[in-house]
N, C-alpha and C. Protein backbone atom coordinates (compact mmCIF):
# COMPACT_ATOMS: atom_id res chain seq x y z
N MET A 1 0.83 -1.20 0.00
CA MET A 1 0.00 0.00 0.00
C MET A 1 0.87 1.26 0.00
N LYS A 2 1.96 1.23 0.78
CA LYS A 2 2.83 2.40 0.84
C LYS A 2 3.47 2.66 -0.51
N PHE A 3 3.90 1.59 -1.20
CA PHE A 3 4.55 1.74 -2.51
C PHE A 3 3.56 2.28 -3.54
N ARG A 4 2.34 1.75 -3.51
CA ARG A 4 1.30 2.23 -4.44
C ARG A 4 1.05 3.72 -4.22
N PHE A 5 0.97 4.14 -2.96
CA PHE A 5 0.76 5.55 -2.63
C PHE A 5 1.97 6.38 -3.08
N LEU A 6 3.17 5.86 -2.86
CA LEU A 6 4.39 6.57 -3.27
C LEU A 6 4.40 6.82 -4.77
N LEU A 7 4.02 5.82 -5.56
CA LEU A 7 3.99 5.99 -7.02
C LEU A 7 2.91 6.99 -7.43
N TRP A 8 1.77 6.94 -6.77
CA TRP A 8 0.70 7.90 -7.06
C TRP A 8 1.18 9.32 -6.74
N MET A 9 1.83 9.47 -5.59
CA MET A 9 2.33 10.78 -5.16
C MET A 9 3.42 11.27 -6.11
N LEU A 10 4.26 10.38 -6.55
CA LEU A 10 5.31 10.73 -7.52
C LEU A 10 4.67 11.30 -8.79
N GLY A 11 3.60 10.67 -9.24
CA GLY A 11 2.87 11.16 -10.40
C GLY A 11 2.31 12.55 -10.18
N ARG A 12 1.74 12.77 -9.00
CA ARG A 12 1.18 14.09 -8.66
C ARG A 12 2.28 15.16 -8.62
N LEU A 13 3.41 14.82 -7.98
CA LEU A 13 4.51 15.77 -7.88
C LEU A 13 5.09 16.11 -9.25
N MET A 14 5.22 15.09 -10.12
CA MET A 14 5.76 15.35 -11.45
C MET A 14 4.77 16.16 -12.29
N ALA A 15 3.48 15.90 -12.14
CA ALA A 15 2.47 16.68 -12.87
C ALA A 15 2.53 18.14 -12.44
N LYS A 16 2.64 18.38 -11.14
CA LYS A 16 2.72 19.75 -10.63
C LYS A 16 3.99 20.43 -11.11
N ALA A 17 5.12 19.73 -11.01
CA ALA A 17 6.39 20.31 -11.45
C ALA A 17 6.36 20.61 -12.95
N SER A 18 5.68 19.78 -13.72
CA SER A 18 5.63 20.02 -15.16
C SER A 18 4.76 21.24 -15.50
N ARG A 19 3.91 21.64 -14.58
CA ARG A 19 3.12 22.86 -14.77
C ARG A 19 3.84 24.09 -14.24
N ASP A 20 4.52 23.95 -13.10
CA ASP A 20 5.00 25.13 -12.36
C ASP A 20 6.51 25.37 -12.37
N ASN A 21 7.31 24.37 -12.69
CA ASN A 21 8.76 24.49 -12.53
C ASN A 21 9.45 24.54 -13.90
N PRO A 22 9.95 25.74 -14.29
CA PRO A 22 10.59 25.87 -15.61
C PRO A 22 11.81 24.94 -15.78
N ALA A 23 12.57 24.73 -14.73
CA ALA A 23 13.76 23.86 -14.83
C ALA A 23 13.32 22.41 -15.08
N PHE A 24 12.27 21.98 -14.42
CA PHE A 24 11.73 20.63 -14.64
C PHE A 24 11.22 20.49 -16.06
N ARG A 25 10.47 21.50 -16.51
CA ARG A 25 9.93 21.46 -17.88
C ARG A 25 11.05 21.40 -18.92
N GLN A 26 12.15 22.07 -18.64
CA GLN A 26 13.27 22.04 -19.57
C GLN A 26 13.81 20.61 -19.72
N GLN A 27 13.80 19.84 -18.62
CA GLN A 27 14.26 18.45 -18.66
C GLN A 27 13.33 17.57 -19.51
N LEU A 28 12.08 18.00 -19.64
CA LEU A 28 11.09 17.23 -20.41
C LEU A 28 11.11 17.57 -21.90
N GLU A 29 11.81 18.65 -22.25
CA GLU A 29 11.81 19.12 -23.63
C GLU A 29 12.28 18.03 -24.60
N GLY A 30 11.48 17.79 -25.62
CA GLY A 30 11.82 16.80 -26.64
C GLY A 30 11.67 15.35 -26.19
N ARG A 31 11.11 15.13 -25.04
CA ARG A 31 10.93 13.77 -24.51
C ARG A 31 9.45 13.43 -24.51
N ASP A 32 9.00 12.76 -25.52
CA ASP A 32 7.63 12.25 -25.53
C ASP A 32 7.72 10.74 -25.42
N MET A 33 7.31 10.21 -24.28
CA MET A 33 7.45 8.77 -24.04
C MET A 33 6.57 8.35 -22.88
N VAL A 34 6.57 7.06 -22.65
CA VAL A 34 5.88 6.47 -21.51
C VAL A 34 6.91 5.62 -20.78
N PHE A 35 6.93 5.71 -19.45
CA PHE A 35 7.78 4.81 -18.66
C PHE A 35 6.97 4.30 -17.49
N GLN A 36 7.46 3.22 -16.89
CA GLN A 36 6.69 2.67 -15.77
C GLN A 36 7.57 2.17 -14.65
N LEU A 37 6.99 2.19 -13.46
CA LEU A 37 7.58 1.62 -12.26
C LEU A 37 6.61 0.55 -11.79
N HIS A 38 7.13 -0.61 -11.40
CA HIS A 38 6.24 -1.71 -11.04
C HIS A 38 6.96 -2.71 -10.15
N THR A 39 6.17 -3.65 -9.62
CA THR A 39 6.75 -4.76 -8.88
C THR A 39 6.87 -5.93 -9.84
N LEU A 40 7.87 -6.77 -9.63
CA LEU A 40 8.10 -7.89 -10.53
C LEU A 40 6.99 -8.93 -10.45
N ASP A 41 6.27 -8.96 -9.32
CA ASP A 41 5.15 -9.91 -9.21
C ASP A 41 3.88 -9.39 -9.90
N GLY A 42 3.94 -8.15 -10.40
CA GLY A 42 2.81 -7.60 -11.14
C GLY A 42 1.69 -7.05 -10.28
N LYS A 43 1.87 -7.02 -8.97
CA LYS A 43 0.79 -6.56 -8.08
C LYS A 43 0.62 -5.04 -8.10
N VAL A 44 1.72 -4.29 -8.28
CA VAL A 44 1.66 -2.83 -8.29
C VAL A 44 2.36 -2.33 -9.55
N ALA A 45 1.69 -1.44 -10.27
CA ALA A 45 2.31 -0.83 -11.46
C ALA A 45 1.68 0.53 -11.69
N ARG A 46 2.51 1.46 -12.12
CA ARG A 46 2.03 2.80 -12.50
C ARG A 46 2.88 3.24 -13.67
N HIS A 47 2.25 3.83 -14.67
CA HIS A 47 3.02 4.35 -15.79
C HIS A 47 2.84 5.86 -15.88
N PHE A 48 3.85 6.47 -16.43
CA PHE A 48 3.95 7.92 -16.49
C PHE A 48 4.07 8.32 -17.95
N ILE A 49 3.27 9.28 -18.36
CA ILE A 49 3.25 9.71 -19.75
C ILE A 49 3.87 11.09 -19.83
N VAL A 50 4.92 11.21 -20.61
CA VAL A 50 5.58 12.50 -20.84
C VAL A 50 5.22 12.93 -22.25
N ALA A 51 4.53 14.06 -22.37
CA ALA A 51 4.13 14.58 -23.67
C ALA A 51 3.95 16.08 -23.58
N GLY A 52 4.54 16.81 -24.52
CA GLY A 52 4.37 18.26 -24.55
C GLY A 52 4.84 18.95 -23.29
N GLN A 53 5.96 18.51 -22.75
CA GLN A 53 6.54 19.06 -21.51
C GLN A 53 5.60 18.97 -20.31
N ARG A 54 4.73 17.97 -20.33
CA ARG A 54 3.84 17.70 -19.21
C ARG A 54 3.96 16.23 -18.83
N VAL A 55 3.67 15.93 -17.57
CA VAL A 55 3.69 14.55 -17.10
C VAL A 55 2.32 14.23 -16.51
N THR A 56 1.79 13.09 -16.91
CA THR A 56 0.58 12.55 -16.29
C THR A 56 0.89 11.11 -15.93
N SER A 57 0.09 10.53 -15.05
CA SER A 57 0.33 9.14 -14.69
C SER A 57 -1.00 8.41 -14.57
N LYS A 58 -0.91 7.11 -14.77
CA LYS A 58 -2.09 6.24 -14.66
C LYS A 58 -1.67 4.95 -13.99
N ARG A 59 -2.61 4.33 -13.29
CA ARG A 59 -2.28 3.05 -12.67
C ARG A 59 -2.24 1.97 -13.74
N GLY A 60 -1.55 0.90 -13.41
CA GLY A 60 -1.45 -0.22 -14.34
C GLY A 60 -0.22 -0.13 -15.22
N THR A 61 -0.08 -1.12 -16.08
CA THR A 61 1.10 -1.20 -16.93
C THR A 61 0.86 -0.49 -18.26
N ALA A 62 1.96 -0.09 -18.87
CA ALA A 62 1.90 0.55 -20.18
C ALA A 62 2.15 -0.52 -21.24
N ARG A 63 1.65 -0.26 -22.44
CA ARG A 63 1.83 -1.24 -23.51
C ARG A 63 3.29 -1.41 -23.91
N GLU A 64 3.94 -0.31 -24.29
CA GLU A 64 5.34 -0.37 -24.70
C GLU A 64 6.11 0.78 -24.07
N PRO A 65 6.50 0.66 -22.81
CA PRO A 65 7.23 1.76 -22.18
C PRO A 65 8.64 1.90 -22.76
N ALA A 66 9.13 3.14 -22.79
CA ALA A 66 10.51 3.39 -23.23
C ALA A 66 11.48 2.73 -22.27
N PHE A 67 11.12 2.73 -20.98
CA PHE A 67 11.87 1.98 -19.98
C PHE A 67 10.94 1.62 -18.84
N ALA A 68 11.32 0.60 -18.10
CA ALA A 68 10.54 0.18 -16.94
C ALA A 68 11.51 -0.22 -15.84
N ILE A 69 11.16 0.13 -14.63
CA ILE A 69 11.95 -0.27 -13.46
C ILE A 69 11.07 -1.19 -12.64
N GLY A 70 11.54 -2.43 -12.46
CA GLY A 70 10.79 -3.42 -11.70
C GLY A 70 11.48 -3.73 -10.39
N PHE A 71 10.74 -3.65 -9.30
CA PHE A 71 11.26 -3.95 -7.96
C PHE A 71 10.76 -5.33 -7.55
N LYS A 72 11.56 -6.06 -6.77
CA LYS A 72 11.18 -7.44 -6.42
C LYS A 72 9.83 -7.52 -5.73
N ASP A 73 9.49 -6.52 -4.91
CA ASP A 73 8.16 -6.45 -4.29
C ASP A 73 7.91 -5.02 -3.84
N ALA A 74 6.70 -4.77 -3.37
CA ALA A 74 6.30 -3.41 -3.01
C ALA A 74 7.11 -2.87 -1.83
N ALA A 75 7.36 -3.69 -0.83
CA ALA A 75 8.12 -3.23 0.33
C ALA A 75 9.54 -2.82 -0.09
N TYR A 76 10.15 -3.61 -0.95
CA TYR A 76 11.51 -3.30 -1.42
C TYR A 76 11.50 -2.03 -2.28
N GLY A 77 10.49 -1.87 -3.11
CA GLY A 77 10.37 -0.67 -3.94
C GLY A 77 10.26 0.58 -3.09
N PHE A 78 9.42 0.51 -2.05
CA PHE A 78 9.25 1.65 -1.15
C PHE A 78 10.55 1.96 -0.44
N GLU A 79 11.21 0.92 0.07
CA GLU A 79 12.46 1.09 0.81
C GLU A 79 13.53 1.73 -0.09
N THR A 80 13.63 1.28 -1.33
CA THR A 80 14.65 1.79 -2.25
C THR A 80 14.36 3.24 -2.63
N MET A 81 13.13 3.54 -2.95
CA MET A 81 12.80 4.89 -3.42
C MET A 81 12.78 5.93 -2.31
N THR A 82 12.76 5.48 -1.06
CA THR A 82 12.80 6.43 0.05
C THR A 82 14.14 6.36 0.80
N ALA A 83 15.10 5.63 0.27
CA ALA A 83 16.41 5.50 0.93
C ALA A 83 17.12 6.86 0.96
N LYS A 84 17.93 7.06 1.97
CA LYS A 84 18.70 8.31 2.07
C LYS A 84 19.61 8.45 0.86
N ASN A 85 20.34 7.39 0.53
CA ASN A 85 21.23 7.39 -0.63
C ASN A 85 20.57 6.54 -1.73
N LYS A 86 19.69 7.17 -2.49
CA LYS A 86 18.92 6.44 -3.51
C LYS A 86 19.81 5.82 -4.57
N GLN A 87 20.85 6.54 -4.97
CA GLN A 87 21.72 6.03 -6.03
C GLN A 87 22.39 4.72 -5.61
N LEU A 88 22.88 4.68 -4.38
CA LEU A 88 23.51 3.48 -3.85
C LEU A 88 22.48 2.34 -3.74
N ALA A 89 21.29 2.66 -3.24
CA ALA A 89 20.24 1.65 -3.09
C ALA A 89 19.87 1.06 -4.45
N PHE A 90 19.76 1.91 -5.47
CA PHE A 90 19.45 1.42 -6.82
C PHE A 90 20.56 0.53 -7.35
N MET A 91 21.79 0.97 -7.21
CA MET A 91 22.93 0.20 -7.74
C MET A 91 23.00 -1.17 -7.06
N GLN A 92 22.83 -1.21 -5.74
CA GLN A 92 22.86 -2.48 -5.02
C GLN A 92 21.71 -3.38 -5.47
N GLY A 93 20.53 -2.79 -5.64
CA GLY A 93 19.37 -3.56 -6.08
C GLY A 93 19.56 -4.16 -7.46
N ILE A 94 20.18 -3.41 -8.35
CA ILE A 94 20.44 -3.90 -9.71
C ILE A 94 21.47 -5.04 -9.65
N GLN A 95 22.53 -4.85 -8.86
CA GLN A 95 23.55 -5.89 -8.72
C GLN A 95 22.97 -7.17 -8.13
N ASN A 96 22.09 -7.02 -7.13
CA ASN A 96 21.49 -8.19 -6.45
C ASN A 96 20.33 -8.78 -7.25
N LYS A 97 19.98 -8.15 -8.37
CA LYS A 97 18.85 -8.57 -9.21
C LYS A 97 17.49 -8.39 -8.50
N ASP A 98 17.48 -7.49 -7.48
CA ASP A 98 16.22 -7.15 -6.82
C ASP A 98 15.49 -6.05 -7.59
N ILE A 99 16.24 -5.38 -8.49
CA ILE A 99 15.68 -4.36 -9.37
C ILE A 99 16.03 -4.76 -10.79
N GLN A 100 15.05 -4.77 -11.65
CA GLN A 100 15.30 -5.08 -13.06
C GLN A 100 14.91 -3.89 -13.92
N ILE A 101 15.79 -3.57 -14.85
CA ILE A 101 15.56 -2.46 -15.76
C ILE A 101 15.27 -3.03 -17.14
N GLN A 102 14.21 -2.58 -17.73
CA GLN A 102 13.90 -2.97 -19.11
C GLN A 102 13.90 -1.70 -19.94
N GLY A 103 14.43 -1.80 -21.14
CA GLY A 103 14.47 -0.64 -22.03
C GLY A 103 15.79 0.09 -21.93
N ASN A 104 15.75 1.37 -22.24
CA ASN A 104 16.95 2.19 -22.36
C ASN A 104 17.49 2.64 -20.99
N PRO A 105 18.67 2.14 -20.58
CA PRO A 105 19.23 2.53 -19.28
C PRO A 105 19.55 4.02 -19.19
N ALA A 106 19.85 4.67 -20.32
CA ALA A 106 20.14 6.11 -20.29
C ALA A 106 18.90 6.89 -19.85
N LEU A 107 17.73 6.41 -20.22
CA LEU A 107 16.49 7.07 -19.80
C LEU A 107 16.24 6.89 -18.30
N VAL A 108 16.70 5.78 -17.76
CA VAL A 108 16.57 5.55 -16.31
C VAL A 108 17.40 6.60 -15.57
N MET A 109 18.60 6.85 -16.09
CA MET A 109 19.47 7.88 -15.48
C MET A 109 18.79 9.26 -15.58
N TRP A 110 18.18 9.53 -16.72
CA TRP A 110 17.46 10.80 -16.92
C TRP A 110 16.34 10.92 -15.88
N PHE A 111 15.58 9.84 -15.67
CA PHE A 111 14.49 9.84 -14.70
C PHE A 111 15.02 10.11 -13.29
N GLN A 112 16.13 9.46 -12.93
CA GLN A 112 16.68 9.67 -11.60
C GLN A 112 17.11 11.13 -11.42
N GLY A 113 17.58 11.75 -12.48
CA GLY A 113 17.93 13.17 -12.42
C GLY A 113 16.71 14.06 -12.23
N LEU A 114 15.57 13.63 -12.74
CA LEU A 114 14.34 14.41 -12.60
C LEU A 114 13.89 14.53 -11.15
N THR A 115 14.14 13.49 -10.38
CA THR A 115 13.61 13.46 -9.02
C THR A 115 14.17 14.57 -8.14
N LYS A 116 15.34 15.12 -8.50
CA LYS A 116 15.89 16.21 -7.67
C LYS A 116 15.02 17.46 -7.73
N TYR A 117 14.22 17.60 -8.80
CA TYR A 117 13.33 18.76 -8.92
C TYR A 117 12.06 18.60 -8.11
N LEU A 118 11.84 17.42 -7.54
CA LEU A 118 10.59 17.14 -6.84
C LEU A 118 10.71 17.34 -5.34
N MET A 119 11.91 17.47 -4.84
CA MET A 119 12.10 17.63 -3.40
C MET A 119 11.69 19.04 -2.99
N PRO A 120 10.97 19.16 -1.89
CA PRO A 120 10.58 20.51 -1.44
C PRO A 120 11.82 21.33 -1.08
N LYS A 121 11.76 22.59 -1.40
CA LYS A 121 12.89 23.47 -1.08
C LYS A 121 12.92 23.71 0.42
N LYS A 122 14.13 23.62 0.98
CA LYS A 122 14.27 23.86 2.41
C LYS A 122 14.23 25.36 2.66
N LYS A 123 13.49 25.74 3.68
CA LYS A 123 13.40 27.15 4.03
C LYS A 123 14.68 27.55 4.75
N THR A 124 15.23 28.67 4.34
CA THR A 124 16.44 29.14 5.01
C THR A 124 16.00 30.05 6.15
N GLU A 125 16.67 29.87 7.27
CA GLU A 125 16.31 30.69 8.44
C GLU A 125 16.87 32.10 8.26
N ALA A 126 16.09 33.06 8.63
CA ALA A 126 16.56 34.45 8.58
C ALA A 126 17.57 34.63 9.71
N PRO A 127 18.64 35.38 9.45
CA PRO A 127 19.63 35.60 10.52
C PRO A 127 18.97 36.33 11.71
N LYS A 128 19.34 35.90 12.89
CA LYS A 128 18.74 36.51 14.10
C LYS A 128 19.44 37.82 14.39
N LYS A 129 18.62 38.81 14.76
CA LYS A 129 19.19 40.13 15.09
C LYS A 129 19.69 40.12 16.52
N ALA A 130 20.81 40.79 16.71
CA ALA A 130 21.37 40.88 18.06
C ALA A 130 20.54 41.85 18.88
N ALA A 131 20.25 41.48 20.12
CA ALA A 131 19.40 42.33 20.97
C ALA A 131 20.18 43.42 21.64
């Protein structure tokens, strides 16, 4: 359930960023494709449609995704995508065959780069005035 919610939320965040964030939209330029994230057992799947510098998502599998990332199960997918060091978690998962990549690996790297635009900006504290 947590992984399904995470994928849904990822879709919402990418849709919002594709409307409001010029830097995110620039990353989408010239990229019209479908990609998906799913569990290898087929229980959870969500696909993301990139078209016209916008992102939308739908539950279920896509017919012919440009790339797909499959996690061994929902708990592992959630753990990997919320890890402090996501890059390390992904690399270990791929080496252990707990994560399977189908399609173009360069697009997977592009997707991982997109996620940095989705993190909320940290508020900087105003310097305190001396009394």
